[in-house]
Amino acid sequence: MSTIADALKQEIARVARKELKGEIAALRKLTSAHRSEIAALKREVKALTSAVKGLHKGSRPPVAASSSEPKVTAAKRSGVPFEFNAEQLAAHRAEFGLTQAQMARLIGASSLSVYKWESGKVQPRAAQKEQIAAALKLGKRAVKARLQTPDE
């Protein structure tokens, strides 16, 4: 009697799997379609966010607020504000024959940061821009001397 019961259980399981297979396939198609839509929406949101940021950068009126005063004094202190250029950083590094790790050590950042700055994926922060500007002003001998002195 157990063989008949086992055979019946196996047949019921097989039929159930067969029934569920079609429903699961439909759900998988829907899930992948939803994921594609979500990815497209995320890309659109990212593009719109960057467009809005670009509009805000271009249309900011000069405001004499207390929060912007330190930025103005920092810009005045250094003279002309430093404009970061990824190609200029890469060219300077190549001109001196430095690796990204050496340039990172010179600036005081990680080599991954230097890679991202040079590839244009990321813009450095203000403090890092000052370090980059200082490093770009150095000569070849000064760069070699700084890299030879141990930081630790």
Protein backbone atom coordinates (compact mmCIF):
# COMPACT_ATOMS: atom_id res chain seq x y z
CA MET A 1 0.00 0.00 0.00
CA SER A 2 2.89 2.37 0.65
CA THR A 3 4.07 2.15 -2.96
CA ILE A 4 0.66 3.32 -4.20
CA ALA A 5 0.67 6.15 -1.65
CA ASP A 6 4.22 7.14 -2.65
CA ALA A 7 3.33 7.04 -6.33
CA LEU A 8 0.23 9.18 -5.66
CA LYS A 9 2.27 11.73 -3.68
CA GLN A 10 4.88 11.93 -6.45
CA GLU A 11 2.22 12.39 -9.10
CA ILE A 12 0.49 15.13 -7.08
CA ALA A 13 3.84 16.91 -6.60
CA ARG A 14 4.61 16.65 -10.33
CA VAL A 15 1.23 18.08 -11.33
CA ALA A 16 1.60 20.87 -8.76
CA ARG A 17 5.06 21.77 -10.10
CA LYS A 18 3.69 21.77 -13.64
CA GLU A 19 0.86 24.11 -12.64
CA LEU A 20 3.18 26.46 -10.76
CA LYS A 21 5.79 26.55 -13.53
CA GLY A 22 3.58 28.65 -15.82
CA GLU A 23 2.62 31.06 -13.05
CA ILE A 24 6.23 31.47 -11.91
CA ALA A 25 7.39 32.18 -15.47
CA ALA A 26 4.80 34.96 -15.77
CA LEU A 27 5.89 36.41 -12.43
CA ARG A 28 9.54 36.34 -13.50
CA LYS A 29 8.71 38.23 -16.67
CA LEU A 30 6.79 40.83 -14.70
CA THR A 31 9.58 41.15 -12.15
CA SER A 32 12.23 41.71 -14.82
CA ALA A 33 9.98 44.27 -16.55
CA HIS A 34 9.49 46.11 -13.25
CA ARG A 35 13.22 46.08 -12.56
CA SER A 36 13.91 47.52 -16.01
CA GLU A 37 11.35 50.26 -15.42
CA ILE A 38 12.84 51.04 -12.00
CA ALA A 39 16.35 51.27 -13.49
CA ALA A 40 15.10 53.60 -16.23
CA LEU A 41 13.34 55.77 -13.67
CA LYS A 42 16.47 55.93 -11.52
CA ARG A 43 18.52 57.04 -14.53
CA GLU A 44 15.92 59.68 -15.33
CA VAL A 45 15.85 60.96 -11.75
CA LYS A 46 19.65 61.15 -11.72
CA ALA A 47 19.71 63.09 -14.99
CA LEU A 48 17.02 65.48 -13.78
CA THR A 49 18.77 65.97 -10.45
CA SER A 50 22.03 66.85 -12.16
CA ALA A 51 20.18 69.21 -14.51
CA VAL A 52 18.56 70.96 -11.56
CA LYS A 53 21.92 71.26 -9.80
CA GLY A 54 23.39 72.73 -12.96
CA LEU A 55 20.59 75.28 -13.15
CA HIS A 56 21.07 76.21 -9.52
CA LYS A 57 24.82 76.69 -10.00
CA GLY A 58 24.32 78.99 -12.95
CA SER A 59 21.52 81.08 -11.48
CA ARG A 60 22.66 81.68 -7.91
CA PRO A 61 22.49 85.36 -7.12
CA PRO A 62 25.19 86.77 -4.86
CA VAL A 63 23.82 86.61 -1.33
CA ALA A 64 25.43 88.38 1.62
CA ALA A 65 24.55 85.69 4.12
CA SER A 66 26.72 84.72 7.05
CA SER A 67 27.02 81.12 5.76
CA SER A 68 28.68 82.23 2.51
CA GLU A 69 31.25 84.53 4.16
CA PRO A 70 33.83 81.84 4.92
CA LYS A 71 33.73 80.72 1.28
CA VAL A 72 34.32 84.27 0.07
CA THR A 73 37.23 84.81 2.45
CA ALA A 74 38.77 81.50 1.40
CA ALA A 75 38.51 82.56 -2.25
CA LYS A 76 39.98 86.00 -1.46
CA ARG A 77 42.76 84.47 0.62
CA SER A 78 44.01 82.37 -2.27
CA GLY A 79 43.55 85.13 -4.86
CA VAL A 80 41.91 83.61 -7.91
CA PRO A 81 39.68 80.62 -7.12
CA PHE A 82 41.11 77.34 -8.38
CA GLU A 83 39.16 75.73 -11.20
CA PHE A 84 39.66 71.97 -11.17
CA ASN A 85 40.43 70.34 -14.50
CA ALA A 86 40.71 66.55 -14.68
CA GLU A 87 42.82 66.59 -17.84
CA GLN A 88 45.21 69.10 -16.28
CA LEU A 89 45.69 66.88 -13.24
CA ALA A 90 46.33 63.81 -15.39
CA ALA A 91 48.72 65.71 -17.66
CA HIS A 92 50.64 67.12 -14.69
CA ARG A 93 50.92 63.67 -13.16
CA ALA A 94 52.12 62.18 -16.45
CA GLU A 95 54.56 65.04 -16.99
CA PHE A 96 56.26 64.30 -13.68
CA GLY A 97 56.07 60.54 -14.22
CA LEU A 98 54.04 59.92 -11.08
CA THR A 99 51.68 57.06 -10.40
CA GLN A 100 48.19 57.75 -9.11
CA ALA A 101 49.29 56.45 -5.72
CA GLN A 102 52.21 58.89 -5.63
CA MET A 103 49.97 61.77 -6.67
CA ALA A 104 47.49 60.75 -3.99
CA ARG A 105 50.25 60.75 -1.37
CA LEU A 106 51.38 64.18 -2.54
CA ILE A 107 47.84 65.57 -2.29
CA GLY A 108 46.88 63.70 0.86
CA ALA A 109 44.10 61.59 -0.63
CA SER A 110 43.59 58.00 -1.75
CA SER A 111 44.69 56.68 -5.12
CA LEU A 112 41.06 55.77 -5.85
CA SER A 113 40.13 59.44 -5.39
CA VAL A 114 42.82 60.51 -7.83
CA TYR A 115 41.55 57.94 -10.34
CA LYS A 116 37.97 59.20 -10.01
CA TRP A 117 39.07 62.84 -10.30
CA GLU A 118 41.13 62.15 -13.42
CA SER A 119 38.35 60.15 -15.05
CA GLY A 120 35.89 62.97 -14.35
CA LYS A 121 33.54 60.79 -12.31
CA VAL A 122 33.91 62.90 -9.18
CA GLN A 123 34.82 66.49 -8.38
CA PRO A 124 37.17 67.05 -5.42
CA ARG A 125 35.96 68.92 -2.36
CA ALA A 126 37.17 72.44 -1.57
CA ALA A 127 39.90 71.32 0.85
CA GLN A 128 41.14 68.80 -1.69
CA LYS A 129 41.08 71.43 -4.43
CA GLU A 130 43.45 73.55 -2.34
CA GLN A 131 45.80 70.57 -1.98
CA ILE A 132 45.60 69.87 -5.72
CA ALA A 133 46.31 73.52 -6.55
CA ALA A 134 49.34 73.46 -4.25
CA ALA A 135 50.58 70.23 -5.84
CA LEU A 136 50.16 71.62 -9.36
CA LYS A 137 52.27 74.66 -8.44
CA LEU A 138 55.20 72.50 -7.33
CA GLY A 139 58.18 71.83 -9.53
CA LYS A 140 59.64 68.45 -10.36
CA ARG A 141 62.33 68.64 -7.68
CA ALA A 142 59.90 69.72 -4.99
CA VAL A 143 57.57 66.86 -5.88
CA LYS A 144 60.39 64.30 -5.69
CA ALA A 145 61.58 65.78 -2.38
CA ARG A 146 58.09 65.59 -0.86
CA LEU A 147 57.61 62.02 -2.00
CA GLN A 148 60.98 60.94 -0.56
CA THR A 149 60.27 62.26 2.94
CA PRO A 150 58.32 59.73 5.02
CA ASP A 151 54.83 60.93 5.97
CA GLU A 152 54.47 58.49 8.84
